[in-house]
């Protein structure tokens, strides 16, 4: 009933609740706390109902499909340089702009509206896709995972959400650390390949970063 990993998440929620004491906007902090609790309930439900490999494949397939669809919409926003008129799907009504030293950049938000929300979504899903890349699948499945990883990473950069960049980087370090710890059993070729692919994707967006 109480799945592994629940205690650290519960402690994180408690820490978030304590932070409201010094928050400048307690009401906004309360909204974030409610979001934490909702995420915990999602985790609690899935951890108690995903029992077989088929169940896991179903959840992973939905996550990958959502990542690809959201990334394609965000790419369309970036290519057009404006919103797509998808307010019914959650797109914001006003564009989010960021002033830089030489120009103004349109920040993509996908159907989540706010670029930081899109970045948070990608920071949660991308590590799952990376972890799946380190598992043994057919070549076609690995190609889909690699393509969705590159696409999602590019969109993550274009959100210009530094908190999402940091969260994704921490997840990547943790994942690679776990893999290197088990390197004797699995080898190093696949994680090196993943690092090269993701590094190439990030190098392409280096000027924006």
Protein backbone atom coordinates (compact mmCIF):
# COMPACT_ATOMS: atom_id res chain seq x y z
CA UNK A 1 0.00 0.00 0.00
CA UNK A 2 2.82 2.44 0.86
CA UNK A 3 5.10 2.34 -2.20
CA UNK A 4 8.90 2.87 -2.08
CA UNK A 5 9.79 6.51 -2.62
CA UNK A 6 6.65 7.84 -0.95
CA UNK A 7 8.45 9.01 2.20
CA UNK A 8 10.80 11.47 0.38
CA UNK A 9 7.83 12.87 -1.56
CA UNK A 10 5.83 13.29 1.64
CA UNK A 11 8.80 15.09 3.22
CA UNK A 12 9.00 17.36 0.17
CA UNK A 13 5.33 18.26 0.59
CA UNK A 14 5.93 19.01 4.27
CA UNK A 15 8.90 21.20 3.38
CA UNK A 16 6.74 23.05 0.87
CA UNK A 17 4.07 23.59 3.53
CA UNK A 18 6.64 25.06 5.93
CA UNK A 19 7.90 27.44 3.22
CA UNK A 20 4.50 29.16 3.16
CA UNK A 21 5.43 30.82 6.46
CA UNK A 22 7.95 33.11 4.72
CA UNK A 23 6.22 33.34 1.32
CA UNK A 24 5.51 36.80 -0.09
CA UNK A 25 2.28 35.49 -1.65
CA UNK A 26 0.86 32.77 0.67
CA UNK A 27 -2.12 32.17 -1.63
CA UNK A 28 0.13 31.35 -4.59
CA UNK A 29 2.21 29.09 -2.35
CA UNK A 30 -0.96 27.30 -1.33
CA UNK A 31 -1.74 26.64 -5.00
CA UNK A 32 1.71 25.10 -5.43
CA UNK A 33 1.17 22.98 -2.32
CA UNK A 34 -2.11 21.68 -3.74
CA UNK A 35 -0.24 20.82 -6.97
CA UNK A 36 2.33 18.90 -4.89
CA UNK A 37 -0.43 16.91 -3.19
CA UNK A 38 -2.09 16.13 -6.54
CA UNK A 39 1.22 14.90 -7.95
CA UNK A 40 1.70 12.72 -4.86
CA UNK A 41 -1.77 11.21 -5.30
CA UNK A 42 -1.01 10.46 -8.96
CA UNK A 43 2.19 8.71 -7.91
CA UNK A 44 0.41 6.86 -5.10
CA UNK A 45 -2.32 5.61 -7.43
CA UNK A 46 0.03 4.51 -10.23
CA UNK A 47 2.51 2.86 -7.86
CA UNK A 48 -0.32 0.74 -6.41
CA UNK A 49 -1.86 -0.26 -9.75
CA UNK A 50 1.05 -0.73 -12.16
CA UNK A 51 1.88 -4.38 -11.53
CA UNK A 52 2.93 -5.87 -14.88
CA UNK A 53 5.18 -4.97 -17.80
CA UNK A 54 2.11 -4.39 -19.97
CA UNK A 55 0.78 -1.86 -17.45
CA UNK A 56 4.14 -0.11 -17.47
CA UNK A 57 4.23 -0.07 -21.28
CA UNK A 58 0.77 1.50 -21.36
CA UNK A 59 1.77 4.34 -19.00
CA UNK A 60 5.10 4.87 -20.79
CA UNK A 61 3.38 4.89 -24.18
CA UNK A 62 0.92 7.56 -23.02
CA UNK A 63 3.77 9.68 -21.63
CA UNK A 64 5.76 9.40 -24.88
CA UNK A 65 2.71 10.21 -27.02
CA UNK A 66 1.96 13.25 -24.86
CA UNK A 67 5.58 14.39 -25.05
CA UNK A 68 5.66 14.15 -28.84
CA UNK A 69 2.29 15.88 -29.31
CA UNK A 70 3.10 18.71 -26.89
CA UNK A 71 6.55 19.18 -28.43
CA UNK A 72 5.14 19.36 -31.97
CA UNK A 73 2.63 22.04 -30.92
CA UNK A 74 5.42 23.98 -29.19
CA UNK A 75 7.62 23.67 -32.28
CA UNK A 76 4.77 25.02 -34.41
CA UNK A 77 4.49 27.99 -32.04
CA UNK A 78 8.22 28.62 -32.30
CA UNK A 79 8.21 28.33 -36.10
CA UNK A 80 5.32 30.78 -36.47
CA UNK A 81 6.67 33.08 -33.77
CA UNK A 82 3.21 33.48 -32.31
CA UNK A 83 0.32 31.63 -30.75
CA UNK A 84 -1.73 29.16 -32.79
CA UNK A 85 -5.19 30.08 -31.53
CA UNK A 86 -5.58 26.92 -29.44
CA UNK A 87 -7.07 28.57 -26.36
CA UNK A 88 -9.59 25.72 -26.08
CA UNK A 89 -6.67 23.32 -25.51
CA UNK A 90 -5.03 25.52 -22.87
CA UNK A 91 -2.90 27.88 -24.97
CA UNK A 92 -2.60 31.32 -23.39
CA UNK A 93 -4.35 34.27 -25.05
CA UNK A 94 -1.36 36.64 -24.78
CA UNK A 95 2.18 35.78 -25.98
CA UNK A 96 4.94 35.44 -23.39
CA UNK A 97 7.94 37.54 -24.40
CA UNK A 98 11.42 37.77 -22.90
CA UNK A 99 13.64 40.81 -23.34
CA UNK A 100 17.27 39.99 -24.14
CA UNK A 101 20.19 42.32 -24.78
CA UNK A 102 19.71 42.38 -28.54
CA UNK A 103 16.15 41.26 -29.20
CA UNK A 104 12.84 40.04 -27.82
CA UNK A 105 12.21 36.29 -27.84
CA UNK A 106 8.79 34.67 -27.95
CA UNK A 107 8.67 31.97 -25.25
CA UNK A 108 6.70 28.89 -26.21
CA UNK A 109 4.23 27.39 -23.75
CA UNK A 110 2.45 24.70 -25.77
CA UNK A 111 -1.04 23.88 -24.56
CA UNK A 112 0.07 24.49 -20.95
CA UNK A 113 0.12 28.23 -21.57
CA UNK A 114 3.01 29.32 -19.39
CA UNK A 115 6.55 28.45 -20.59
CA UNK A 116 7.51 27.50 -17.03
CA UNK A 117 4.59 25.05 -16.89
CA UNK A 118 5.68 23.49 -20.19
CA UNK A 119 9.25 23.31 -18.88
CA UNK A 120 8.06 21.60 -15.71
CA UNK A 121 6.08 19.07 -17.74
CA UNK A 122 9.10 18.28 -19.90
CA UNK A 123 11.35 18.07 -16.83
CA UNK A 124 9.03 15.40 -15.44
CA UNK A 125 8.59 13.33 -18.62
CA UNK A 126 12.01 13.53 -20.29
CA UNK A 127 13.86 11.61 -17.54
CA UNK A 128 11.32 8.79 -17.93
CA UNK A 129 12.02 8.65 -21.67
CA UNK A 130 15.77 8.68 -20.99
CA UNK A 131 15.39 5.81 -18.54
CA UNK A 132 13.46 3.83 -21.16
CA UNK A 133 16.29 4.41 -23.62
CA UNK A 134 18.58 2.55 -21.24
CA UNK A 135 16.32 -0.53 -21.28
CA UNK A 136 16.33 -3.31 -23.85
CA UNK A 137 13.82 -2.66 -26.62
CA UNK A 138 13.56 -3.30 -30.34
CA UNK A 139 15.43 -0.98 -32.67
CA UNK A 140 12.26 0.79 -33.83
CA UNK A 141 11.25 1.51 -30.24
CA UNK A 142 14.69 2.87 -29.43
CA UNK A 143 14.56 5.13 -32.49
CA UNK A 144 11.19 6.53 -31.36
CA UNK A 145 12.58 7.10 -27.87
CA UNK A 146 15.69 8.82 -29.25
CA UNK A 147 13.63 11.05 -31.56
CA UNK A 148 11.22 12.04 -28.78
CA UNK A 149 14.18 12.76 -26.48
CA UNK A 150 15.81 15.08 -29.00
CA UNK A 151 12.51 16.78 -29.80
CA UNK A 152 11.60 17.23 -26.15
CA UNK A 153 15.05 18.52 -25.22
CA UNK A 154 14.94 21.12 -27.98
CA UNK A 155 11.53 22.32 -26.81
CA UNK A 156 12.79 22.40 -23.21
CA UNK A 157 15.57 24.77 -24.27
CA UNK A 158 13.13 27.00 -26.17
CA UNK A 159 10.94 27.46 -23.09
CA UNK A 160 13.84 29.47 -21.57
CA UNK A 161 12.75 28.08 -18.19
CA UNK A 162 15.94 27.95 -16.13
CA UNK A 163 14.29 26.07 -13.26
CA UNK A 164 13.20 23.36 -15.72
CA UNK A 165 16.73 23.22 -17.16
CA UNK A 166 18.13 22.73 -13.65
CA UNK A 167 15.58 20.07 -12.72
CA UNK A 168 16.20 18.14 -15.93
CA UNK A 169 19.96 18.37 -15.49
CA UNK A 170 19.72 17.02 -11.94
CA UNK A 171 17.56 14.14 -13.17
CA UNK A 172 20.07 13.38 -15.94
CA UNK A 173 22.96 13.32 -13.47
CA UNK A 174 21.05 10.96 -11.19
CA UNK A 175 20.12 8.66 -14.05
CA UNK A 176 23.65 8.50 -15.41
CA UNK A 177 25.01 7.93 -11.90
CA UNK A 178 22.68 4.97 -11.46
CA UNK A 179 23.70 3.56 -14.83
CA UNK A 180 27.41 3.93 -14.18
CA UNK A 181 26.93 2.18 -10.84
CA UNK A 182 25.57 -0.80 -12.79
CA UNK A 183 28.02 -0.41 -15.67
CA UNK A 184 29.62 -3.82 -15.14
CA UNK A 185 26.31 -5.49 -15.79
CA UNK A 186 25.04 -3.36 -18.67
CA UNK A 187 28.11 -1.79 -20.28
CA UNK A 188 28.83 1.84 -21.13
CA UNK A 189 28.04 2.04 -24.85
CA UNK A 190 24.36 2.92 -24.56
CA UNK A 191 24.68 5.72 -21.95
CA UNK A 192 27.57 7.21 -23.93
CA UNK A 193 25.38 7.18 -27.04
CA UNK A 194 22.53 8.86 -25.14
CA UNK A 195 24.89 11.55 -23.82
CA UNK A 196 26.20 12.21 -27.32
CA UNK A 197 22.69 12.50 -28.77
CA UNK A 198 21.45 14.85 -26.05
CA UNK A 199 24.70 16.85 -26.14
CA UNK A 200 24.30 17.36 -29.88
CA UNK A 201 20.72 18.55 -29.38
CA UNK A 202 21.80 21.03 -26.72
CA UNK A 203 24.78 22.23 -28.78
CA UNK A 204 22.39 23.13 -31.59
CA UNK A 205 20.59 25.53 -29.22
CA UNK A 206 23.75 26.84 -27.57
CA UNK A 207 23.26 30.45 -28.82
CA UNK A 208 19.77 30.59 -27.28
CA UNK A 209 21.02 29.16 -24.00
